[in-house]
Amino acid sequence: MTKSVQSWMVAAALAGAGIAVALGLNARSGATPSVTAPSRPAVTVAQAHAAPPVTTTSSAAAIALAKHLKQVGAKMYGAYWCPHCHEQLQLFGRTAAQQLPYTECAEDGKNAHPALCEAEKVEGYPTWKIKGKTLLGTQPLADLATASGYKGSRKF
């Protein structure tokens, strides 16, 4: 098998894996193809990914806490693909999760705001920003209540 045929086969295999290949082959020089990372197409609204549905039921206290967090300007930053973010939303339950002040950080997520997440220096998910404090990871609802000054029922 000639070198140019081998290079062509490598290029075809890489292209099949989604890697762009600039062939620029010259049978005499024996040049090998150059490989570049695949480019990501712009995400359209129709292509935006949503988080898995929240399946748990919200307690009255979890709903009140979610409303309180929104009222005091707290923010939860996350990504639709993040299992810890989903776990956090499950702790609140479906109705309360819909009330949360949530910001989607994944570029290809539904209603994404990656520039805002970058400006807030969000490096992991979930990240909570509450009254000047940053809380990283899944938080017990009681800890969010304490951090935000929530005075209502804690029967989460």
N, C-alpha and C. Protein backbone atom coordinates (compact mmCIF):
# COMPACT_ATOMS: atom_id res chain seq x y z
N MET A 1 0.85 -1.16 0.00
CA MET A 1 0.00 0.00 0.00
C MET A 1 0.90 1.23 0.00
N THR A 2 0.56 2.21 -0.84
CA THR A 2 1.39 3.41 -0.92
C THR A 2 1.13 4.32 0.26
N LYS A 3 2.09 5.20 0.49
CA LYS A 3 1.98 6.14 1.60
C LYS A 3 0.75 7.04 1.44
N SER A 4 0.46 7.47 0.20
CA SER A 4 -0.70 8.35 0.00
C SER A 4 -2.00 7.61 0.28
N VAL A 5 -2.09 6.34 -0.05
CA VAL A 5 -3.29 5.56 0.24
C VAL A 5 -3.43 5.39 1.75
N GLN A 6 -2.33 5.12 2.46
CA GLN A 6 -2.37 5.00 3.91
C GLN A 6 -2.83 6.31 4.53
N SER A 7 -2.30 7.42 4.06
CA SER A 7 -2.70 8.73 4.59
C SER A 7 -4.18 8.98 4.35
N TRP A 8 -4.66 8.62 3.16
CA TRP A 8 -6.07 8.78 2.84
C TRP A 8 -6.92 7.95 3.79
N MET A 9 -6.52 6.73 4.10
CA MET A 9 -7.27 5.86 5.01
C MET A 9 -7.30 6.45 6.42
N VAL A 10 -6.17 6.98 6.87
CA VAL A 10 -6.12 7.63 8.18
C VAL A 10 -7.06 8.83 8.20
N ALA A 11 -7.02 9.63 7.14
CA ALA A 11 -7.88 10.81 7.05
C ALA A 11 -9.34 10.42 7.07
N ALA A 12 -9.70 9.36 6.38
CA ALA A 12 -11.09 8.90 6.34
C ALA A 12 -11.53 8.43 7.72
N ALA A 13 -10.66 7.73 8.42
CA ALA A 13 -10.99 7.25 9.77
C ALA A 13 -11.18 8.42 10.72
N LEU A 14 -10.30 9.42 10.63
CA LEU A 14 -10.42 10.60 11.49
C LEU A 14 -11.69 11.38 11.17
N ALA A 15 -12.00 11.52 9.90
CA ALA A 15 -13.21 12.24 9.50
C ALA A 15 -14.44 11.51 10.03
N GLY A 16 -14.42 10.19 10.01
CA GLY A 16 -15.53 9.41 10.55
C GLY A 16 -15.69 9.62 12.03
N ALA A 17 -14.62 9.98 12.71
CA ALA A 17 -14.68 10.25 14.15
C ALA A 17 -15.03 11.70 14.42
N GLY A 18 -15.31 12.48 13.38
CA GLY A 18 -15.70 13.87 13.57
C GLY A 18 -14.54 14.83 13.64
N ILE A 19 -13.36 14.41 13.20
CA ILE A 19 -12.19 15.27 13.25
C ILE A 19 -11.91 15.77 11.84
N ALA A 20 -11.81 17.08 11.71
CA ALA A 20 -11.56 17.67 10.40
C ALA A 20 -10.12 17.38 9.99
N VAL A 21 -9.94 17.04 8.73
CA VAL A 21 -8.61 16.71 8.24
C VAL A 21 -8.32 17.52 6.98
N ALA A 22 -7.19 18.19 6.97
CA ALA A 22 -6.73 18.88 5.77
C ALA A 22 -5.72 17.95 5.11
N LEU A 23 -6.08 17.39 3.95
CA LEU A 23 -5.24 16.35 3.36
C LEU A 23 -3.94 16.89 2.80
N GLY A 24 -3.94 17.79 1.91
CA GLY A 24 -2.70 18.35 1.37
C GLY A 24 -1.66 17.28 1.10
N LEU A 25 -2.05 16.14 0.55
CA LEU A 25 -1.12 15.03 0.33
C LEU A 25 -0.32 15.26 -0.95
N ASN A 26 0.89 14.82 -0.89
CA ASN A 26 1.75 14.85 -2.06
C ASN A 26 2.42 13.49 -2.10
N ALA A 27 2.11 12.71 -3.11
CA ALA A 27 2.62 11.34 -3.17
C ALA A 27 4.13 11.29 -3.12
N ARG A 28 4.80 12.27 -3.67
CA ARG A 28 6.26 12.25 -3.67
C ARG A 28 6.85 12.66 -2.33
N SER A 29 6.19 13.60 -1.65
CA SER A 29 6.77 14.10 -0.40
C SER A 29 6.49 13.17 0.77
N GLY A 30 5.41 12.37 0.65
CA GLY A 30 5.05 11.49 1.76
C GLY A 30 4.48 12.28 2.93
N ALA A 31 3.96 13.48 2.65
CA ALA A 31 3.41 14.32 3.71
C ALA A 31 2.24 13.63 4.38
N THR A 32 2.10 13.86 5.65
CA THR A 32 0.98 13.30 6.39
C THR A 32 -0.08 14.35 6.56
N PRO A 33 -1.32 13.95 6.72
CA PRO A 33 -2.39 14.93 6.86
C PRO A 33 -2.26 15.69 8.18
N SER A 34 -2.70 16.94 8.14
CA SER A 34 -2.73 17.70 9.39
C SER A 34 -4.12 17.53 10.00
N VAL A 35 -4.19 17.50 11.32
CA VAL A 35 -5.44 17.25 12.01
C VAL A 35 -5.77 18.46 12.86
N THR A 36 -7.02 18.89 12.79
CA THR A 36 -7.49 19.98 13.63
C THR A 36 -8.70 19.52 14.42
N ALA A 37 -8.93 20.16 15.52
CA ALA A 37 -10.10 19.81 16.33
C ALA A 37 -11.36 20.19 15.58
N PRO A 38 -12.44 19.43 15.79
CA PRO A 38 -13.68 19.75 15.09
C PRO A 38 -14.22 21.09 15.57
N SER A 39 -14.80 21.84 14.65
CA SER A 39 -15.41 23.10 15.05
C SER A 39 -16.83 22.81 15.50
N ARG A 40 -17.33 23.60 16.47
CA ARG A 40 -18.68 23.41 16.98
C ARG A 40 -19.59 24.39 16.26
N PRO A 41 -20.63 23.91 15.63
CA PRO A 41 -21.55 24.82 14.96
C PRO A 41 -22.31 25.65 15.99
N ALA A 42 -22.80 26.80 15.57
CA ALA A 42 -23.60 27.64 16.46
C ALA A 42 -24.84 26.86 16.89
N VAL A 43 -25.22 27.01 18.15
CA VAL A 43 -26.39 26.32 18.68
C VAL A 43 -27.62 27.18 18.40
N THR A 44 -28.64 26.57 17.87
CA THR A 44 -29.89 27.28 17.65
C THR A 44 -30.84 26.95 18.79
N VAL A 45 -31.89 27.73 18.91
CA VAL A 45 -32.86 27.50 19.98
C VAL A 45 -33.43 26.09 19.89
N ALA A 46 -33.69 25.63 18.68
CA ALA A 46 -34.24 24.29 18.50
C ALA A 46 -33.28 23.20 18.96
N GLN A 47 -31.97 23.48 18.95
CA GLN A 47 -30.98 22.49 19.34
C GLN A 47 -30.61 22.58 20.82
N ALA A 48 -31.06 23.60 21.53
CA ALA A 48 -30.67 23.79 22.92
C ALA A 48 -31.14 22.61 23.76
N HIS A 49 -30.28 22.19 24.67
CA HIS A 49 -30.56 21.04 25.52
C HIS A 49 -31.18 21.49 26.84
N ALA A 50 -32.15 20.74 27.28
CA ALA A 50 -32.79 21.01 28.56
C ALA A 50 -32.34 19.96 29.57
N ALA A 51 -32.40 20.33 30.82
CA ALA A 51 -32.06 19.41 31.91
C ALA A 51 -33.12 18.32 31.99
N PRO A 52 -32.77 17.18 32.57
CA PRO A 52 -33.79 16.14 32.77
C PRO A 52 -34.90 16.69 33.67
N PRO A 53 -36.10 16.18 33.53
CA PRO A 53 -37.20 16.70 34.35
C PRO A 53 -37.00 16.39 35.83
N VAL A 54 -37.46 17.31 36.66
CA VAL A 54 -37.45 17.10 38.11
C VAL A 54 -38.68 16.26 38.42
N THR A 55 -38.47 15.17 39.12
CA THR A 55 -39.56 14.20 39.34
C THR A 55 -40.07 14.16 40.78
N THR A 56 -39.40 14.87 41.67
CA THR A 56 -39.81 14.82 43.07
C THR A 56 -40.88 15.88 43.35
N THR A 57 -41.59 15.70 44.45
CA THR A 57 -42.64 16.62 44.85
C THR A 57 -42.07 17.64 45.83
N SER A 58 -42.44 18.88 45.65
CA SER A 58 -41.97 19.95 46.53
C SER A 58 -42.81 20.04 47.80
N SER A 59 -42.14 20.26 48.91
CA SER A 59 -42.85 20.56 50.15
C SER A 59 -43.20 22.05 50.13
N ALA A 60 -44.14 22.45 50.95
CA ALA A 60 -44.50 23.88 51.06
C ALA A 60 -43.28 24.69 51.50
N ALA A 61 -42.46 24.11 52.38
CA ALA A 61 -41.26 24.81 52.85
C ALA A 61 -40.25 24.98 51.73
N ALA A 62 -40.09 23.99 50.87
CA ALA A 62 -39.14 24.09 49.75
C ALA A 62 -39.60 25.15 48.76
N ILE A 63 -40.90 25.24 48.52
CA ILE A 63 -41.43 26.28 47.63
C ILE A 63 -41.18 27.65 48.23
N ALA A 64 -41.45 27.79 49.52
CA ALA A 64 -41.23 29.08 50.19
C ALA A 64 -39.75 29.47 50.17
N LEU A 65 -38.87 28.49 50.36
CA LEU A 65 -37.43 28.76 50.32
C LEU A 65 -37.02 29.20 48.92
N ALA A 66 -37.50 28.54 47.90
CA ALA A 66 -37.16 28.91 46.53
C ALA A 66 -37.60 30.35 46.24
N LYS A 67 -38.78 30.71 46.64
CA LYS A 67 -39.28 32.08 46.44
C LYS A 67 -38.42 33.07 47.22
N HIS A 68 -38.04 32.70 48.44
CA HIS A 68 -37.19 33.56 49.27
C HIS A 68 -35.83 33.76 48.61
N LEU A 69 -35.23 32.69 48.10
CA LEU A 69 -33.93 32.79 47.45
C LEU A 69 -33.99 33.76 46.27
N LYS A 70 -35.06 33.67 45.51
CA LYS A 70 -35.24 34.59 44.38
C LYS A 70 -35.39 36.03 44.88
N GLN A 71 -36.17 36.20 45.93
CA GLN A 71 -36.44 37.54 46.49
C GLN A 71 -35.18 38.22 47.02
N VAL A 72 -34.26 37.45 47.61
CA VAL A 72 -33.05 38.05 48.17
C VAL A 72 -31.91 38.15 47.16
N GLY A 73 -32.19 37.76 45.91
CA GLY A 73 -31.18 37.89 44.86
C GLY A 73 -30.17 36.78 44.79
N ALA A 74 -30.46 35.65 45.41
CA ALA A 74 -29.57 34.49 45.32
C ALA A 74 -29.59 33.97 43.89
N LYS A 75 -28.53 33.28 43.49
CA LYS A 75 -28.44 32.70 42.15
C LYS A 75 -27.85 31.30 42.24
N MET A 76 -28.43 30.40 41.47
CA MET A 76 -27.86 29.06 41.29
C MET A 76 -27.36 28.99 39.85
N TYR A 77 -26.08 28.66 39.69
CA TYR A 77 -25.48 28.49 38.36
C TYR A 77 -25.25 27.01 38.14
N GLY A 78 -25.67 26.53 36.97
CA GLY A 78 -25.51 25.11 36.70
C GLY A 78 -25.46 24.82 35.21
N ALA A 79 -25.48 23.54 34.89
CA ALA A 79 -25.47 23.08 33.51
C ALA A 79 -26.46 21.92 33.39
N TYR A 80 -27.15 21.88 32.26
CA TYR A 80 -28.19 20.87 32.06
C TYR A 80 -27.65 19.45 32.20
N TRP A 81 -26.39 19.22 31.89
CA TRP A 81 -25.80 17.88 31.90
C TRP A 81 -25.20 17.51 33.26
N CYS A 82 -25.24 18.41 34.22
CA CYS A 82 -24.58 18.22 35.51
C CYS A 82 -25.43 17.38 36.46
N PRO A 83 -24.95 16.20 36.87
CA PRO A 83 -25.75 15.37 37.78
C PRO A 83 -25.94 15.99 39.16
N HIS A 84 -24.98 16.79 39.61
CA HIS A 84 -25.12 17.42 40.92
C HIS A 84 -26.16 18.53 40.88
N CYS A 85 -26.27 19.22 39.74
CA CYS A 85 -27.30 20.24 39.57
C CYS A 85 -28.68 19.58 39.60
N HIS A 86 -28.79 18.46 38.91
CA HIS A 86 -30.06 17.75 38.90
C HIS A 86 -30.42 17.27 40.31
N GLU A 87 -29.42 16.80 41.03
CA GLU A 87 -29.64 16.37 42.41
C GLU A 87 -30.14 17.54 43.25
N GLN A 88 -29.56 18.73 43.05
CA GLN A 88 -29.98 19.92 43.79
C GLN A 88 -31.44 20.24 43.49
N LEU A 89 -31.80 20.20 42.22
CA LEU A 89 -33.18 20.49 41.84
C LEU A 89 -34.14 19.45 42.38
N GLN A 90 -33.72 18.20 42.42
CA GLN A 90 -34.55 17.13 42.98
C GLN A 90 -34.82 17.38 44.47
N LEU A 91 -33.82 17.94 45.19
CA LEU A 91 -34.04 18.25 46.61
C LEU A 91 -35.17 19.27 46.79
N PHE A 92 -35.25 20.22 45.88
CA PHE A 92 -36.32 21.22 45.94
C PHE A 92 -37.66 20.64 45.49
N GLY A 93 -37.65 19.76 44.52
CA GLY A 93 -38.89 19.26 43.95
C GLY A 93 -39.31 20.10 42.76
N ARG A 94 -40.21 19.54 41.95
CA ARG A 94 -40.60 20.13 40.67
C ARG A 94 -41.13 21.56 40.80
N THR A 95 -42.09 21.80 41.65
CA THR A 95 -42.71 23.13 41.76
C THR A 95 -41.72 24.16 42.27
N ALA A 96 -40.96 23.83 43.29
CA ALA A 96 -39.97 24.77 43.85
C ALA A 96 -38.85 25.03 42.86
N ALA A 97 -38.41 24.01 42.13
CA ALA A 97 -37.32 24.17 41.17
C ALA A 97 -37.68 25.18 40.10
N GLN A 98 -38.96 25.24 39.74
CA GLN A 98 -39.42 26.21 38.74
C GLN A 98 -39.36 27.64 39.27
N GLN A 99 -39.31 27.82 40.57
CA GLN A 99 -39.25 29.14 41.19
C GLN A 99 -37.82 29.63 41.42
N LEU A 100 -36.86 28.71 41.30
CA LEU A 100 -35.47 29.04 41.65
C LEU A 100 -34.86 30.06 40.69
N PRO A 101 -33.98 30.89 41.21
CA PRO A 101 -33.21 31.82 40.37
C PRO A 101 -32.03 31.08 39.75
N TYR A 102 -32.29 30.33 38.68
CA TYR A 102 -31.32 29.44 38.06
C TYR A 102 -30.75 30.07 36.79
N THR A 103 -29.43 29.97 36.61
CA THR A 103 -28.77 30.44 35.40
C THR A 103 -28.07 29.26 34.74
N GLU A 104 -28.43 28.99 33.48
CA GLU A 104 -27.82 27.91 32.71
C GLU A 104 -26.48 28.39 32.16
N CYS A 105 -25.42 27.65 32.44
CA CYS A 105 -24.07 28.03 32.02
C CYS A 105 -23.58 27.31 30.77
N ALA A 106 -24.12 26.15 30.46
CA ALA A 106 -23.67 25.39 29.28
C ALA A 106 -24.08 26.13 28.01
N GLU A 107 -23.12 26.35 27.13
CA GLU A 107 -23.38 27.08 25.88
C GLU A 107 -24.55 26.51 25.09
N ASP A 108 -24.68 25.20 25.10
CA ASP A 108 -25.73 24.57 24.31
C ASP A 108 -26.96 24.23 25.13
N GLY A 109 -27.07 24.84 26.32
CA GLY A 109 -28.23 24.62 27.16
C GLY A 109 -29.37 25.57 26.84
N LYS A 110 -30.56 25.19 27.24
CA LYS A 110 -31.74 26.02 27.02
C LYS A 110 -31.61 27.30 27.85
N ASN A 111 -31.87 28.44 27.24
CA ASN A 111 -31.78 29.76 27.89
C ASN A 111 -30.39 29.98 28.51
N ALA A 112 -29.36 29.60 27.79
CA ALA A 112 -27.98 29.67 28.30
C ALA A 112 -27.46 31.10 28.40
N HIS A 113 -26.65 31.33 29.44
CA HIS A 113 -25.99 32.61 29.68
C HIS A 113 -24.52 32.36 30.06
N PRO A 114 -23.75 31.73 29.17
CA PRO A 114 -22.37 31.39 29.52
C PRO A 114 -21.50 32.60 29.83
N ALA A 115 -21.75 33.74 29.19
CA ALA A 115 -20.95 34.94 29.47
C ALA A 115 -21.19 35.42 30.89
N LEU A 116 -22.42 35.33 31.36
CA LEU A 116 -22.73 35.73 32.74
C LEU A 116 -22.03 34.79 33.72
N CYS A 117 -22.04 33.51 33.43
CA CYS A 117 -21.36 32.54 34.30
C CYS A 117 -19.87 32.81 34.35
N GLU A 118 -19.30 33.15 33.20
CA GLU A 118 -17.87 33.47 33.15
C GLU A 118 -17.58 34.74 33.94
N ALA A 119 -18.45 35.75 33.80
CA ALA A 119 -18.26 37.00 34.52
C ALA A 119 -18.35 36.79 36.04
N GLU A 120 -19.18 35.84 36.44
CA GLU A 120 -19.33 35.52 37.87
C GLU A 120 -18.25 34.54 38.36
N LYS A 121 -17.35 34.16 37.44
CA LYS A 121 -16.24 33.25 37.76
C LYS A 121 -16.73 31.89 38.28
N VAL A 122 -17.79 31.40 37.65
CA VAL A 122 -18.32 30.09 38.00
C VAL A 122 -17.40 29.03 37.39
N GLU A 123 -16.86 28.17 38.24
CA GLU A 123 -15.92 27.16 37.78
C GLU A 123 -16.42 25.73 37.95
N GLY A 124 -17.49 25.55 38.69
CA GLY A 124 -18.05 24.22 38.91
C GLY A 124 -19.54 24.34 39.15
N TYR A 125 -20.20 23.20 39.08
CA TYR A 125 -21.65 23.20 39.19
C TYR A 125 -22.13 22.20 40.25
N PRO A 126 -23.20 22.53 40.93
CA PRO A 126 -23.80 23.85 40.97
C PRO A 126 -22.97 24.82 41.80
N THR A 127 -23.10 26.09 41.49
CA THR A 127 -22.51 27.16 42.29
C THR A 127 -23.65 28.06 42.73
N TRP A 128 -23.72 28.32 44.02
CA TRP A 128 -24.70 29.24 44.58
C TRP A 128 -24.01 30.54 44.96
N LYS A 129 -24.62 31.66 44.66
CA LYS A 129 -24.16 32.98 45.11
C LYS A 129 -25.30 33.56 45.93
N ILE A 130 -25.05 33.70 47.23
CA ILE A 130 -26.08 34.17 48.15
C ILE A 130 -25.48 35.20 49.09
N LYS A 131 -25.99 36.42 49.02
CA LYS A 131 -25.57 37.50 49.91
C LYS A 131 -24.05 37.62 50.04
N GLY A 132 -23.38 37.61 48.91
CA GLY A 132 -21.93 37.77 48.89
C GLY A 132 -21.13 36.52 49.18
N LYS A 133 -21.80 35.41 49.45
CA LYS A 133 -21.12 34.14 49.71
C LYS A 133 -21.25 33.23 48.50
N THR A 134 -20.25 32.40 48.29
CA THR A 134 -20.28 31.40 47.23
C THR A 134 -20.30 30.02 47.86
N LEU A 135 -21.28 29.22 47.49
CA LEU A 135 -21.41 27.85 47.98
C LEU A 135 -21.26 26.92 46.78
N LEU A 136 -20.36 25.96 46.88
CA LEU A 136 -20.07 25.05 45.77
C LEU A 136 -20.67 23.68 46.01
N GLY A 137 -21.23 23.10 44.97
CA GLY A 137 -21.77 21.75 45.05
C GLY A 137 -23.21 21.72 45.53
N THR A 138 -23.76 20.51 45.57
CA THR A 138 -25.13 20.31 46.03
C THR A 138 -25.22 20.70 47.50
N GLN A 139 -26.19 21.55 47.82
CA GLN A 139 -26.34 22.05 49.18
C GLN A 139 -27.62 21.52 49.83
N PRO A 140 -27.55 21.11 51.08
CA PRO A 140 -28.79 20.78 51.79
C PRO A 140 -29.67 22.04 51.84
N LEU A 141 -30.97 21.85 51.75
CA LEU A 141 -31.87 23.01 51.76
C LEU A 141 -31.73 23.81 53.05
N ALA A 142 -31.47 23.15 54.16
CA ALA A 142 -31.29 23.86 55.43
C ALA A 142 -30.08 24.81 55.36
N ASP A 143 -29.02 24.41 54.66
CA ASP A 143 -27.84 25.28 54.52
C ASP A 143 -28.15 26.48 53.64
N LEU A 144 -28.94 26.29 52.60
CA LEU A 144 -29.35 27.41 51.75
C LEU A 144 -30.24 28.36 52.54
N ALA A 145 -31.10 27.80 53.38
CA ALA A 145 -31.97 28.61 54.22
C ALA A 145 -31.14 29.47 55.17
N THR A 146 -30.16 28.88 55.80
CA THR A 146 -29.30 29.62 56.74
C THR A 146 -28.50 30.69 56.02
N ALA A 147 -27.90 30.36 54.89
CA ALA A 147 -27.08 31.31 54.14
C ALA A 147 -27.89 32.51 53.64
N SER A 148 -29.17 32.29 53.37
CA SER A 148 -29.99 33.35 52.81
C SER A 148 -30.81 34.11 53.86
N GLY A 149 -30.77 33.66 55.10
CA GLY A 149 -31.54 34.32 56.15
C GLY A 149 -33.02 33.95 56.13
N TYR A 150 -33.34 32.82 55.58
CA TYR A 150 -34.73 32.35 55.50
C TYR A 150 -35.25 32.06 56.91
N LYS A 151 -36.44 32.60 57.22
CA LYS A 151 -37.02 32.43 58.55
C LYS A 151 -38.24 31.51 58.59
N GLY A 152 -38.65 30.98 57.46
CA GLY A 152 -39.85 30.14 57.40
C GLY A 152 -39.62 28.72 57.88
N SER A 153 -40.62 27.88 57.62
CA SER A 153 -40.57 26.48 58.02
C SER A 153 -39.40 25.78 57.37
N ARG A 154 -38.80 24.88 58.14
CA ARG A 154 -37.67 24.09 57.62
C ARG A 154 -38.06 22.62 57.48
N LYS A 155 -39.32 22.37 57.25
CA LYS A 155 -39.79 21.00 57.02
C LYS A 155 -39.68 20.69 55.55
N PHE A 156 -38.41 20.60 55.12
CA PHE A 156 -38.11 20.38 53.71
C PHE A 156 -38.32 18.93 53.36
